[in-house]
Amino acid sequence: MTGLLKSLSLAAVLAIATFSGSPTAEARAFCAPRDSIVEILGKRFSEERQAIGLASQTGLVELYVSKNGTWSMVRTNVKGVACVIASGHAWERAPISALLPGA
């Protein structure tokens, strides 16, 4: 239930932020300036960045996770527009040995 409430709350907040900008294809996917998304994830869900990676030459992808297991994946383009592309609950950090047998 917590995951559902998180998803609905995040969607509502991002929808409000989305409609204040231009109606691009990304904006319809719950997008806003990266700083706004990061602030919402931190203040509302206590999520902090745990991982970051480049998405070819078009931007980057970040993973935000809270201590209680909620998580959000955010993709930011080169113009600084960020979109929440996935979110959920029950995130667990796995040791590398569990991910790569024989490592």
Protein backbone atom coordinates (compact mmCIF):
# COMPACT_ATOMS: atom_id res chain seq x y z
CA MET A 1 0.00 0.00 0.00
CA THR A 2 2.86 2.39 0.77
CA GLY A 3 4.23 1.94 -2.76
CA LEU A 4 0.84 2.76 -4.27
CA LEU A 5 0.48 5.90 -2.14
CA LYS A 6 4.02 6.95 -3.07
CA SER A 7 3.33 6.47 -6.76
CA LEU A 8 0.05 8.39 -6.61
CA SER A 9 1.57 11.23 -4.58
CA LEU A 10 4.58 11.49 -6.87
CA ALA A 11 2.36 11.44 -9.95
CA ALA A 12 0.16 14.23 -8.56
CA VAL A 13 3.10 16.44 -7.61
CA LEU A 14 4.85 15.88 -10.90
CA ALA A 15 1.66 16.45 -12.88
CA ILE A 16 1.32 19.88 -11.29
CA ALA A 17 4.96 20.65 -12.10
CA THR A 18 4.51 19.30 -15.62
CA PHE A 19 1.59 21.52 -16.54
CA SER A 20 3.50 24.64 -15.56
CA GLY A 21 5.93 24.10 -18.47
CA SER A 22 5.65 23.46 -22.18
CA PRO A 23 3.63 20.40 -23.24
CA THR A 24 6.45 18.34 -24.78
CA ALA A 25 6.35 14.56 -25.06
CA GLU A 26 8.65 14.28 -22.04
CA ALA A 27 6.45 16.61 -19.97
CA ARG A 28 3.50 14.26 -20.35
CA ALA A 29 5.64 11.55 -18.73
CA PHE A 30 5.84 13.33 -15.32
CA CYS A 31 8.82 15.54 -16.07
CA ALA A 32 10.14 18.73 -14.52
CA PRO A 33 13.45 20.51 -14.06
CA ARG A 34 15.90 18.08 -12.43
CA ASP A 35 16.29 20.19 -9.29
CA SER A 36 12.52 20.06 -8.71
CA ILE A 37 12.38 16.28 -9.11
CA VAL A 38 15.35 15.76 -6.77
CA GLU A 39 13.78 18.05 -4.17
CA ILE A 40 10.46 16.19 -4.30
CA LEU A 41 12.14 12.80 -3.99
CA GLY A 42 14.18 14.01 -1.02
CA LYS A 43 11.52 15.93 0.90
CA ARG A 44 8.47 13.75 0.25
CA PHE A 45 10.03 10.30 0.10
CA SER A 46 13.43 10.68 1.83
CA GLU A 47 15.12 9.27 -1.26
CA GLU A 48 18.78 9.94 -1.91
CA ARG A 49 20.84 9.21 -5.01
CA GLN A 50 22.48 5.79 -4.83
CA ALA A 51 23.66 5.33 -8.43
CA ILE A 52 24.21 7.32 -11.61
CA GLY A 53 25.06 6.39 -15.20
CA LEU A 54 25.28 7.98 -18.61
CA ALA A 55 22.52 7.24 -21.10
CA SER A 56 24.56 7.40 -24.33
CA GLN A 57 25.12 11.05 -25.25
CA THR A 58 21.59 12.19 -24.51
CA GLY A 59 21.63 12.44 -20.72
CA LEU A 60 21.93 10.41 -17.57
CA VAL A 61 19.99 8.00 -15.40
CA GLU A 62 19.93 8.18 -11.60
CA LEU A 63 18.58 5.83 -8.96
CA TYR A 64 17.16 7.32 -5.75
CA VAL A 65 16.46 5.05 -2.77
CA SER A 66 15.09 5.66 0.74
CA LYS A 67 16.04 3.79 3.91
CA ASN A 68 12.54 2.27 4.02
CA GLY A 69 12.92 0.78 0.53
CA THR A 70 11.06 3.15 -1.79
CA TRP A 71 12.95 3.92 -5.00
CA SER A 72 12.74 6.06 -8.12
CA MET A 73 14.66 5.99 -11.38
CA VAL A 74 15.10 9.37 -13.05
CA ARG A 75 16.33 10.14 -16.56
CA THR A 76 17.64 13.66 -17.23
CA ASN A 77 18.23 15.00 -20.73
CA VAL A 78 20.96 17.42 -21.79
CA LYS A 79 18.58 20.37 -21.30
CA GLY A 80 18.13 19.52 -17.60
CA VAL A 81 14.60 18.13 -17.92
CA ALA A 82 14.19 15.08 -15.69
CA CYS A 83 11.53 12.38 -15.95
CA VAL A 84 10.65 9.73 -13.39
CA ILE A 85 10.81 6.60 -15.55
CA ALA A 86 10.16 4.01 -12.82
CA SER A 87 9.43 3.83 -9.10
CA GLY A 88 8.52 1.24 -6.52
CA HIS A 89 9.11 -0.15 -3.06
CA ALA A 90 10.97 -2.97 -1.27
CA TRP A 91 14.36 -2.02 -2.75
CA GLU A 92 17.18 -4.17 -1.38
CA ARG A 93 20.88 -3.72 -1.90
CA ALA A 94 22.42 -7.00 -3.05
CA PRO A 95 26.08 -7.84 -2.51
CA ILE A 96 28.06 -8.10 -5.74
CA SER A 97 28.64 -11.81 -5.09
CA ALA A 98 24.88 -12.42 -5.25
CA LEU A 99 24.66 -10.65 -8.61
CA LEU A 100 27.73 -12.24 -10.20
CA PRO A 101 28.22 -15.85 -9.12
CA GLY A 102 31.90 -16.62 -8.87
CA ALA A 103 32.89 -12.99 -8.34
